[in-house]
C-alpha atoms as a PDB file:
ATOM      1  CA  MET A   1     -12.794  29.480  -6.520  1.00  0.00           C
ATOM      2  CA  MET A   2     -13.759  30.520  -3.039  1.00  0.00           C
ATOM      3  CA  ASN A   3     -11.609  30.196   0.083  1.00  0.00           C
ATOM      4  CA  TYR A   4     -12.720  30.196   3.718  1.00  0.00           C
ATOM      5  CA  LYS A   5     -10.699  28.880   6.670  1.00  0.00           C
ATOM      6  CA  GLY A   6      -8.505  26.988   4.200  1.00  0.00           C
ATOM      7  CA  TYR A   7     -11.431  25.210   2.572  1.00  0.00           C
ATOM      8  CA  ILE A   8     -11.745  25.822  -1.181  1.00  0.00           C
ATOM      9  CA  GLY A   9     -15.116  25.925  -2.871  1.00  0.00           C
ATOM     10  CA  ASN A  10     -15.682  25.324  -6.559  1.00  0.00           C
ATOM     11  CA  VAL A  11     -18.874  26.726  -8.073  1.00  0.00           C
ATOM     12  CA  GLU A  12     -20.969  25.902 -11.106  1.00  0.00           C
ATOM     13  CA  TYR A  13     -24.020  27.700 -12.428  1.00  0.00           C
ATOM     14  CA  ASP A  14     -27.164  25.822 -13.483  1.00  0.00           C
ATOM     15  CA  ASP A  15     -28.727  28.081 -16.110  1.00  0.00           C
ATOM     16  CA  GLU A  16     -31.961  26.061 -16.167  1.00  0.00           C
ATOM     17  CA  ALA A  17     -32.536  26.219 -12.403  1.00  0.00           C
ATOM     18  CA  HIS A  18     -30.912  29.673 -12.102  1.00  0.00           C
ATOM     19  CA  ILE A  19     -28.862  28.595  -9.104  1.00  0.00           C
ATOM     20  CA  PHE A  20     -25.213  28.430  -8.168  1.00  0.00           C
ATOM     21  CA  SER A  21     -24.075  25.100  -6.685  1.00  0.00           C
ATOM     22  CA  GLY A  22     -20.770  24.603  -4.970  1.00  0.00           C
ATOM     23  CA  THR A  23     -18.632  21.882  -3.479  1.00  0.00           C
ATOM     24  CA  VAL A  24     -15.620  22.045  -1.195  1.00  0.00           C
ATOM     25  CA  ILE A  25     -12.919  20.427  -3.294  1.00  0.00           C
ATOM     26  CA  ASN A  26      -9.977  20.000  -0.931  1.00  0.00           C
ATOM     27  CA  THR A  27     -11.466  17.417   1.447  1.00  0.00           C
ATOM     28  CA  ARG A  28     -12.756  13.881   1.093  1.00  0.00           C
ATOM     29  CA  THR A  29     -15.756  14.945   3.190  1.00  0.00           C
ATOM     30  CA  VAL A  30     -18.658  16.068   1.017  1.00  0.00           C
ATOM     31  CA  ILE A  31     -19.450  19.706   1.808  1.00  0.00           C
ATOM     32  CA  THR A  32     -21.903  21.442  -0.528  1.00  0.00           C
ATOM     33  CA  PHE A  33     -23.634  24.815  -0.737  1.00  0.00           C
ATOM     34  CA  GLN A  34     -26.049  26.700  -3.005  1.00  0.00           C
ATOM     35  CA  GLY A  35     -27.212  30.214  -3.667  1.00  0.00           C
ATOM     36  CA  THR A  36     -29.159  32.288  -6.147  1.00  0.00           C
ATOM     37  CA  SER A  37     -26.807  35.275  -5.926  1.00  0.00           C
ATOM     38  CA  VAL A  38     -23.111  35.763  -5.328  1.00  0.00           C
ATOM     39  CA  ASP A  39     -23.770  37.192  -1.871  1.00  0.00           C
ATOM     40  CA  GLU A  40     -26.020  34.268  -0.930  1.00  0.00           C
ATOM     41  CA  LEU A  41     -23.512  31.792  -2.356  1.00  0.00           C
ATOM     42  CA  GLU A  42     -20.638  33.273  -0.326  1.00  0.00           C
ATOM     43  CA  THR A  43     -22.748  33.232   2.835  1.00  0.00           C
ATOM     44  CA  GLU A  44     -23.862  29.635   2.283  1.00  0.00           C
ATOM     45  CA  PHE A  45     -20.282  28.550   1.579  1.00  0.00           C
ATOM     46  CA  ARG A  46     -19.122  29.985   4.895  1.00  0.00           C
ATOM     47  CA  ASN A  47     -22.166  28.526   6.674  1.00  0.00           C
ATOM     48  CA  SER A  48     -21.508  25.060   5.236  1.00  0.00           C
ATOM     49  CA  VAL A  49     -17.872  25.092   6.348  1.00  0.00           C
ATOM     50  CA  ASP A  50     -18.852  26.378   9.800  1.00  0.00           C
ATOM     51  CA  ASP A  51     -21.599  23.727  10.059  1.00  0.00           C
ATOM     52  CA  TYR A  52     -19.079  21.012   9.168  1.00  0.00           C
ATOM     53  CA  LEU A  53     -16.627  22.273  11.788  1.00  0.00           C
ATOM     54  CA  GLU A  54     -19.383  22.480  14.412  1.00  0.00           C
ATOM     55  CA  TRP A  55     -20.615  18.974  13.552  1.00  0.00           C
ATOM     56  CA  CYS A  56     -17.077  17.640  14.029  1.00  0.00           C
ATOM     57  CA  LYS A  57     -16.792  19.430  17.372  1.00  0.00           C
ATOM     58  CA  GLU A  58     -20.126  18.068  18.606  1.00  0.00           C
ATOM     59  CA  ASP A  59     -19.179  14.517  17.562  1.00  0.00           C
ATOM     60  CA  GLY A  60     -15.731  14.842  19.123  1.00  0.00           C
ATOM     61  CA  ILE A  61     -13.851  14.177  15.905  1.00  0.00           C
ATOM     62  CA  ASP A  62     -11.074  16.142  14.286  1.00  0.00           C
ATOM     63  CA  PRO A  63     -12.241  17.951  11.163  1.00  0.00           C
ATOM     64  CA  GLU A  64     -10.495  16.945   8.001  1.00  0.00           C
ATOM     65  CA  LYS A  65      -7.791  19.500   7.400  1.00  0.00           C
ATOM     66  CA  PRO A  66      -7.415  20.746   3.858  1.00  0.00           C
ATOM     67  CA  TYR A  67      -3.990  19.491   2.874  1.00  0.00           C
ATOM     68  CA  SER A  68      -1.605  18.883   5.719  1.00  0.00           C
ATOM     69  CA  GLY A  69       1.496  19.584   3.662  1.00  0.00           C
ATOM     70  CA  ARG A  70       2.509  15.937   3.865  1.00  0.00           C
ATOM     71  CA  LEU A  71       2.678  14.030   0.598  1.00  0.00           C
ATOM     72  CA  ASN A  72       4.111  10.632  -0.260  1.00  0.00           C
ATOM     73  CA  VAL A  73       5.570  10.606  -3.748  1.00  0.00           C
ATOM     74  CA  ARG A  74       6.463   7.460  -5.668  1.00  0.00           C
ATOM     75  CA  LEU A  75       9.312   7.782  -8.157  1.00  0.00           C
ATOM     76  CA  ARG A  76      11.100   5.338 -10.382  1.00  0.00           C
ATOM     77  CA  PRO A  77      14.337   4.310  -8.617  1.00  0.00           C
ATOM     78  CA  ASP A  78      16.469   6.025 -11.263  1.00  0.00           C
ATOM     79  CA  THR A  79      14.508   9.276 -10.913  1.00  0.00           C
ATOM     80  CA  HIS A  80      14.791   9.053  -7.119  1.00  0.00           C
ATOM     81  CA  ARG A  81      18.575   8.603  -7.370  1.00  0.00           C
ATOM     82  CA  LYS A  82      18.973  11.507  -9.796  1.00  0.00           C
ATOM     83  CA  ALA A  83      16.810  13.816  -7.663  1.00  0.00           C
ATOM     84  CA  ALA A  84      18.653  12.907  -4.459  1.00  0.00           C
ATOM     85  CA  THR A  85      22.019  13.432  -6.149  1.00  0.00           C
ATOM     86  CA  LYS A  86      20.996  16.801  -7.622  1.00  0.00           C
ATOM     87  CA  ALA A  87      19.602  17.904  -4.241  1.00  0.00           C
ATOM     88  CA  LYS A  88      22.921  17.084  -2.526  1.00  0.00           C
ATOM     89  CA  ILE A  89      24.862  18.965  -5.213  1.00  0.00           C
ATOM     90  CA  LEU A  90      22.635  22.004  -4.585  1.00  0.00           C
ATOM     91  CA  GLY A  91      22.965  21.647  -0.813  1.00  0.00           C
ATOM     92  CA  LEU A  92      19.256  20.932  -0.382  1.00  0.00           C
ATOM     93  CA  SER A  93      17.287  18.191   1.272  1.00  0.00           C
ATOM     94  CA  LEU A  94      15.394  15.979  -1.162  1.00  0.00           C
ATOM     95  CA  ASN A  95      12.161  17.399   0.229  1.00  0.00           C
ATOM     96  CA  SER A  96      13.275  21.002  -0.460  1.00  0.00           C
ATOM     97  CA  PHE A  97      14.436  20.040  -3.942  1.00  0.00           C
ATOM     98  CA  ILE A  98      11.067  18.462  -4.804  1.00  0.00           C
ATOM     99  CA  GLU A  99       9.170  21.391  -3.267  1.00  0.00           C
ATOM    100  CA  LYS A 100      11.144  23.872  -5.406  1.00  0.00           C
ATOM    101  CA  ALA A 101      10.525  21.779  -8.527  1.00  0.00           C
ATOM    102  CA  VAL A 102       6.776  21.668  -7.880  1.00  0.00           C
ATOM    103  CA  GLU A 103       6.638  25.420  -7.140  1.00  0.00           C
ATOM    104  CA  ALA A 104       8.527  26.145 -10.380  1.00  0.00           C
ATOM    105  CA  GLU A 105       6.077  24.004 -12.337  1.00  0.00           C
ATOM    106  CA  LEU A 106       3.094  25.761 -10.759  1.00  0.00           C
ATOM    107  CA  LYS A 107       4.484  29.198 -11.720  1.00  0.00           C
ATOM    108  CA  GLU A 108       4.724  28.076 -15.338  1.00  0.00           C
ATOM    109  CA  GLY A 109       1.192  26.688 -15.411  1.00  0.00           C
END
């Protein structure tokens, strides 16, 4: 994985064409890049992100931000009740409780 200005690039190698191809994976906007070496790939990744940001600026639109930190979660009513109750017992907001649970799961993975 590659990271530049919060945008994350995922890379695959095409052994027949002898080229690296990448895609920014944390936006709905399609942002791609290619290179024949690691250095070229890193440069093209940064150039593609910068080009996207410049295009947005020229068109007067806000660039898509990679993950705002806002997430709507749907839970079964019983799960919602149990989580809210446990959060209150722990002296946490429901949001903090869920955030801690997700962080704990990510550490295990």
